[in-house]
N, C-alpha and C. Protein backbone atom coordinates (compact mmCIF):
# COMPACT_ATOMS: atom_id res chain seq x y z
N MET A 1 22.93 7.51 -12.42
CA MET A 1 22.66 6.90 -13.70
C MET A 1 22.84 5.39 -13.64
N LYS A 2 23.81 4.96 -12.82
CA LYS A 2 24.08 3.53 -12.69
C LYS A 2 22.88 2.81 -12.07
N ARG A 3 22.24 3.47 -11.08
CA ARG A 3 21.09 2.86 -10.42
C ARG A 3 19.92 2.71 -11.40
N ILE A 4 19.76 3.68 -12.28
CA ILE A 4 18.68 3.61 -13.27
C ILE A 4 18.91 2.44 -14.22
N ARG A 5 20.16 2.26 -14.63
CA ARG A 5 20.47 1.13 -15.52
C ARG A 5 20.24 -0.21 -14.82
N GLN A 6 20.63 -0.28 -13.55
CA GLN A 6 20.41 -1.52 -12.80
C GLN A 6 18.91 -1.80 -12.66
N PHE A 7 18.14 -0.77 -12.33
CA PHE A 7 16.70 -0.94 -12.20
C PHE A 7 16.08 -1.36 -13.53
N ALA A 8 16.51 -0.75 -14.62
CA ALA A 8 15.99 -1.11 -15.94
C ALA A 8 16.34 -2.55 -16.29
N ALA A 9 17.54 -2.99 -15.94
CA ALA A 9 17.95 -4.37 -16.23
C ALA A 9 17.11 -5.36 -15.44
N VAL A 10 16.87 -5.07 -14.16
CA VAL A 10 16.07 -5.97 -13.32
C VAL A 10 14.63 -5.99 -13.81
N ALA A 11 14.09 -4.82 -14.17
CA ALA A 11 12.72 -4.75 -14.67
C ALA A 11 12.57 -5.52 -15.98
N ALA A 12 13.54 -5.38 -16.88
CA ALA A 12 13.50 -6.11 -18.15
C ALA A 12 13.58 -7.62 -17.92
N ALA A 13 14.45 -8.05 -17.00
CA ALA A 13 14.55 -9.48 -16.70
C ALA A 13 13.26 -10.00 -16.10
N GLY A 14 12.63 -9.20 -15.25
CA GLY A 14 11.35 -9.61 -14.67
C GLY A 14 10.26 -9.73 -15.71
N LEU A 15 10.23 -8.81 -16.66
CA LEU A 15 9.22 -8.88 -17.72
C LEU A 15 9.44 -10.07 -18.64
N VAL A 16 10.69 -10.40 -18.88
CA VAL A 16 10.99 -11.56 -19.74
C VAL A 16 10.62 -12.85 -19.02
N ALA A 17 10.90 -12.94 -17.72
CA ALA A 17 10.66 -14.17 -16.96
C ALA A 17 9.20 -14.31 -16.51
N ALA A 18 8.43 -13.23 -16.49
CA ALA A 18 7.07 -13.26 -15.94
C ALA A 18 6.15 -14.27 -16.63
N PRO A 19 6.08 -14.34 -17.96
CA PRO A 19 5.17 -15.32 -18.56
C PRO A 19 5.52 -16.76 -18.18
N ARG A 20 6.79 -17.05 -18.08
CA ARG A 20 7.20 -18.40 -17.70
C ARG A 20 6.83 -18.69 -16.25
N LEU A 21 6.97 -17.70 -15.38
CA LEU A 21 6.65 -17.90 -13.97
C LEU A 21 5.15 -18.10 -13.77
N PHE A 22 4.34 -17.29 -14.44
CA PHE A 22 2.90 -17.40 -14.28
C PHE A 22 2.34 -18.65 -14.95
N ALA A 23 2.98 -19.15 -15.95
CA ALA A 23 2.49 -20.32 -16.67
C ALA A 23 2.69 -21.61 -15.89
N GLN A 24 3.51 -21.61 -14.86
CA GLN A 24 3.77 -22.83 -14.12
C GLN A 24 2.56 -23.32 -13.35
N GLY A 25 1.75 -22.44 -12.81
CA GLY A 25 0.65 -22.88 -11.97
C GLY A 25 -0.72 -22.72 -12.58
N CYS A 26 -0.84 -22.02 -13.69
CA CYS A 26 -2.16 -21.71 -14.24
C CYS A 26 -2.95 -22.95 -14.64
N ALA A 27 -2.33 -23.88 -15.32
CA ALA A 27 -3.05 -25.06 -15.78
C ALA A 27 -3.51 -25.90 -14.60
N MET A 28 -2.67 -26.05 -13.60
CA MET A 28 -3.03 -26.85 -12.44
C MET A 28 -4.14 -26.17 -11.63
N CYS A 29 -4.04 -24.87 -11.43
CA CYS A 29 -5.07 -24.16 -10.68
C CYS A 29 -6.40 -24.19 -11.41
N TYR A 30 -6.36 -24.00 -12.72
CA TYR A 30 -7.58 -24.02 -13.52
C TYR A 30 -8.24 -25.39 -13.46
N ALA A 31 -7.45 -26.43 -13.61
CA ALA A 31 -8.01 -27.79 -13.59
C ALA A 31 -8.59 -28.11 -12.20
N THR A 32 -7.93 -27.69 -11.15
CA THR A 32 -8.42 -27.93 -9.79
C THR A 32 -9.72 -27.18 -9.55
N ALA A 33 -9.80 -25.93 -9.98
CA ALA A 33 -11.01 -25.14 -9.79
C ALA A 33 -12.18 -25.71 -10.60
N GLN A 34 -11.92 -26.20 -11.80
CA GLN A 34 -12.98 -26.76 -12.63
C GLN A 34 -13.50 -28.08 -12.08
N ALA A 35 -12.66 -28.82 -11.37
CA ALA A 35 -13.06 -30.12 -10.86
C ALA A 35 -13.91 -30.01 -9.60
N GLN A 36 -14.02 -28.84 -9.01
CA GLN A 36 -14.76 -28.67 -7.77
C GLN A 36 -16.23 -28.41 -8.04
N ASP A 37 -17.05 -28.71 -7.02
CA ASP A 37 -18.47 -28.40 -7.13
C ASP A 37 -18.69 -26.93 -6.80
N ALA A 38 -19.94 -26.48 -6.85
CA ALA A 38 -20.27 -25.07 -6.67
C ALA A 38 -19.90 -24.58 -5.27
N ARG A 39 -20.12 -25.42 -4.26
CA ARG A 39 -19.81 -25.01 -2.88
C ARG A 39 -18.31 -24.80 -2.70
N ALA A 40 -17.51 -25.71 -3.22
CA ALA A 40 -16.06 -25.59 -3.11
C ALA A 40 -15.55 -24.39 -3.91
N ALA A 41 -16.17 -24.12 -5.04
CA ALA A 41 -15.78 -22.96 -5.85
C ALA A 41 -16.07 -21.66 -5.09
N ARG A 42 -17.20 -21.62 -4.39
CA ARG A 42 -17.55 -20.44 -3.59
C ARG A 42 -16.52 -20.25 -2.47
N HIS A 43 -16.10 -21.35 -1.84
CA HIS A 43 -15.09 -21.26 -0.79
C HIS A 43 -13.74 -20.81 -1.36
N LEU A 44 -13.44 -21.22 -2.57
CA LEU A 44 -12.22 -20.77 -3.23
C LEU A 44 -12.29 -19.26 -3.49
N ASP A 45 -13.46 -18.77 -3.88
CA ASP A 45 -13.64 -17.33 -4.07
C ASP A 45 -13.43 -16.58 -2.76
N TYR A 46 -13.96 -17.11 -1.67
CA TYR A 46 -13.77 -16.47 -0.36
C TYR A 46 -12.30 -16.47 0.04
N ALA A 47 -11.61 -17.54 -0.27
CA ALA A 47 -10.18 -17.62 0.05
C ALA A 47 -9.39 -16.58 -0.74
N ILE A 48 -9.76 -16.39 -1.99
CA ILE A 48 -9.09 -15.38 -2.81
C ILE A 48 -9.33 -13.99 -2.22
N LEU A 49 -10.56 -13.72 -1.81
CA LEU A 49 -10.86 -12.43 -1.19
C LEU A 49 -10.10 -12.26 0.12
N ALA A 50 -10.02 -13.32 0.90
CA ALA A 50 -9.30 -13.25 2.17
C ALA A 50 -7.82 -12.94 1.95
N LEU A 51 -7.24 -13.44 0.87
CA LEU A 51 -5.85 -13.14 0.56
C LEU A 51 -5.69 -11.76 -0.08
N LEU A 52 -6.74 -11.27 -0.71
CA LEU A 52 -6.67 -9.99 -1.39
C LEU A 52 -6.78 -8.81 -0.42
N ILE A 53 -7.60 -8.95 0.60
CA ILE A 53 -7.87 -7.84 1.52
C ILE A 53 -6.60 -7.34 2.23
N PRO A 54 -5.78 -8.20 2.83
CA PRO A 54 -4.57 -7.67 3.49
C PRO A 54 -3.60 -6.99 2.53
N SER A 55 -3.43 -7.55 1.34
CA SER A 55 -2.48 -6.93 0.41
C SER A 55 -2.98 -5.59 -0.09
N VAL A 56 -4.26 -5.46 -0.37
CA VAL A 56 -4.81 -4.18 -0.80
C VAL A 56 -4.75 -3.17 0.35
N SER A 57 -5.04 -3.61 1.56
CA SER A 57 -4.97 -2.72 2.72
C SER A 57 -3.54 -2.22 2.93
N LEU A 58 -2.58 -3.10 2.82
CA LEU A 58 -1.18 -2.71 2.98
C LEU A 58 -0.77 -1.72 1.90
N PHE A 59 -1.14 -2.00 0.66
CA PHE A 59 -0.83 -1.09 -0.45
C PHE A 59 -1.47 0.27 -0.22
N ALA A 60 -2.73 0.29 0.18
CA ALA A 60 -3.42 1.56 0.41
C ALA A 60 -2.78 2.33 1.56
N GLY A 61 -2.40 1.63 2.62
CA GLY A 61 -1.76 2.29 3.75
C GLY A 61 -0.44 2.93 3.38
N VAL A 62 0.38 2.21 2.63
CA VAL A 62 1.67 2.76 2.20
C VAL A 62 1.45 3.93 1.25
N PHE A 63 0.47 3.80 0.35
CA PHE A 63 0.18 4.88 -0.60
C PHE A 63 -0.30 6.13 0.13
N ILE A 64 -1.18 5.97 1.09
CA ILE A 64 -1.70 7.13 1.85
C ILE A 64 -0.58 7.77 2.66
N ALA A 65 0.27 6.95 3.28
CA ALA A 65 1.39 7.49 4.05
C ALA A 65 2.34 8.28 3.14
N ALA A 66 2.62 7.75 1.97
CA ALA A 66 3.50 8.46 1.03
C ALA A 66 2.84 9.75 0.55
N LEU A 67 1.55 9.71 0.31
CA LEU A 67 0.84 10.90 -0.14
C LEU A 67 0.85 11.98 0.94
N ARG A 68 0.59 11.60 2.17
CA ARG A 68 0.62 12.57 3.27
C ARG A 68 2.02 13.15 3.45
N ARG A 69 3.02 12.31 3.33
CA ARG A 69 4.40 12.79 3.48
C ARG A 69 4.75 13.77 2.38
N SER A 70 4.35 13.46 1.15
CA SER A 70 4.67 14.38 0.05
C SER A 70 3.91 15.69 0.20
N MET A 71 2.67 15.64 0.70
CA MET A 71 1.91 16.87 0.92
C MET A 71 2.56 17.70 2.03
N ARG A 72 3.03 17.04 3.09
CA ARG A 72 3.69 17.75 4.18
C ARG A 72 5.01 18.36 3.70
N ASP A 73 5.75 17.62 2.88
CA ASP A 73 7.00 18.15 2.36
C ASP A 73 6.75 19.34 1.44
N ALA A 74 5.70 19.26 0.63
CA ALA A 74 5.36 20.37 -0.26
C ALA A 74 4.94 21.59 0.55
N GLU A 75 4.24 21.37 1.66
CA GLU A 75 3.84 22.47 2.53
C GLU A 75 5.05 23.11 3.18
N ASP A 76 6.03 22.31 3.54
CA ASP A 76 7.25 22.84 4.17
C ASP A 76 8.10 23.65 3.19
N GLU A 77 7.92 23.42 1.90
CA GLU A 77 8.71 24.13 0.90
C GLU A 77 8.11 25.47 0.51
N LEU A 78 6.94 25.83 1.03
CA LEU A 78 6.32 27.11 0.72
C LEU A 78 7.19 28.24 1.26
N PRO A 79 7.15 29.39 0.59
CA PRO A 79 7.88 30.54 1.14
C PRO A 79 7.27 30.95 2.48
N LEU A 80 8.04 31.61 3.29
CA LEU A 80 7.59 31.96 4.63
C LEU A 80 6.35 32.86 4.61
N GLU A 81 6.21 33.73 3.61
CA GLU A 81 5.04 34.60 3.55
C GLU A 81 3.76 33.81 3.28
N ALA A 82 3.86 32.74 2.51
CA ALA A 82 2.67 31.97 2.12
C ALA A 82 2.30 30.91 3.16
N ALA A 83 3.25 30.53 3.98
CA ALA A 83 2.98 29.46 4.95
C ALA A 83 2.21 30.02 6.14
N GLU A 84 1.21 29.28 6.57
CA GLU A 84 0.46 29.68 7.76
C GLU A 84 1.18 29.12 8.98
N PRO A 85 1.26 29.90 10.07
CA PRO A 85 1.92 29.37 11.26
C PRO A 85 1.11 28.25 11.87
N ARG A 86 1.80 27.24 12.31
CA ARG A 86 1.14 26.11 12.96
C ARG A 86 1.01 26.40 14.45
N PRO A 87 -0.15 26.11 15.03
CA PRO A 87 -0.28 26.32 16.48
C PRO A 87 0.56 25.31 17.24
N ALA A 88 1.04 25.73 18.39
CA ALA A 88 1.82 24.83 19.22
C ALA A 88 0.92 23.73 19.77
N ARG A 89 1.40 22.53 19.77
CA ARG A 89 0.62 21.41 20.27
C ARG A 89 0.88 21.20 21.74
N THR A 90 -0.18 21.10 22.50
CA THR A 90 -0.07 20.84 23.93
C THR A 90 -0.44 19.40 24.18
N PRO A 91 0.35 18.65 24.92
CA PRO A 91 0.01 17.25 25.20
C PRO A 91 -1.32 17.16 25.93
N PRO A 92 -2.09 16.09 25.70
CA PRO A 92 -3.40 15.94 26.34
C PRO A 92 -3.34 16.02 27.86
N ALA A 93 -2.28 15.49 28.48
CA ALA A 93 -2.18 15.52 29.94
C ALA A 93 -2.06 16.96 30.42
N ALA A 94 -1.32 17.79 29.70
CA ALA A 94 -1.17 19.19 30.09
C ALA A 94 -2.48 19.95 29.90
N ARG A 95 -3.24 19.60 28.86
CA ARG A 95 -4.54 20.25 28.65
C ARG A 95 -5.47 19.96 29.80
N ARG A 96 -5.47 18.72 30.28
CA ARG A 96 -6.35 18.36 31.41
C ARG A 96 -5.90 19.06 32.68
N ALA A 97 -4.58 19.18 32.88
CA ALA A 97 -4.07 19.76 34.12
C ALA A 97 -4.38 21.25 34.21
N PHE A 98 -4.41 21.93 33.05
CA PHE A 98 -4.61 23.37 33.08
C PHE A 98 -5.99 23.78 32.57
N SER A 99 -6.92 22.86 32.50
CA SER A 99 -8.25 23.20 32.00
C SER A 99 -9.01 24.00 33.05
N PRO A 100 -9.88 24.93 32.62
CA PRO A 100 -10.62 25.75 33.58
C PRO A 100 -11.63 24.96 34.39
N GLU A 101 -12.07 23.78 33.94
CA GLU A 101 -13.05 23.00 34.67
C GLU A 101 -12.47 22.39 35.93
N SER A 102 -11.15 22.25 36.05
CA SER A 102 -10.54 21.57 37.19
C SER A 102 -10.59 22.40 38.44
């Protein structure tokens, strides 16, 4: 319960401080973007995309990893009658060593 209260306090402080934090750079960024010509504005758009791609990729990767982990954990919680047996995994080197083509 203590952790929930701490998290709620930090979240509330962040929400209260957020408008002040975002307001510090907005006017300057807007004025800089408006003062540029079309070519510079296009390059600014490319820069924004270049900064957006890694963060979205990282978020998607963490989200997919968490989703796979939760699905695997849910599968492990199935009763023994409902769970399908998993086949034993053979390392690739062992598969090559014992393959009939050799």
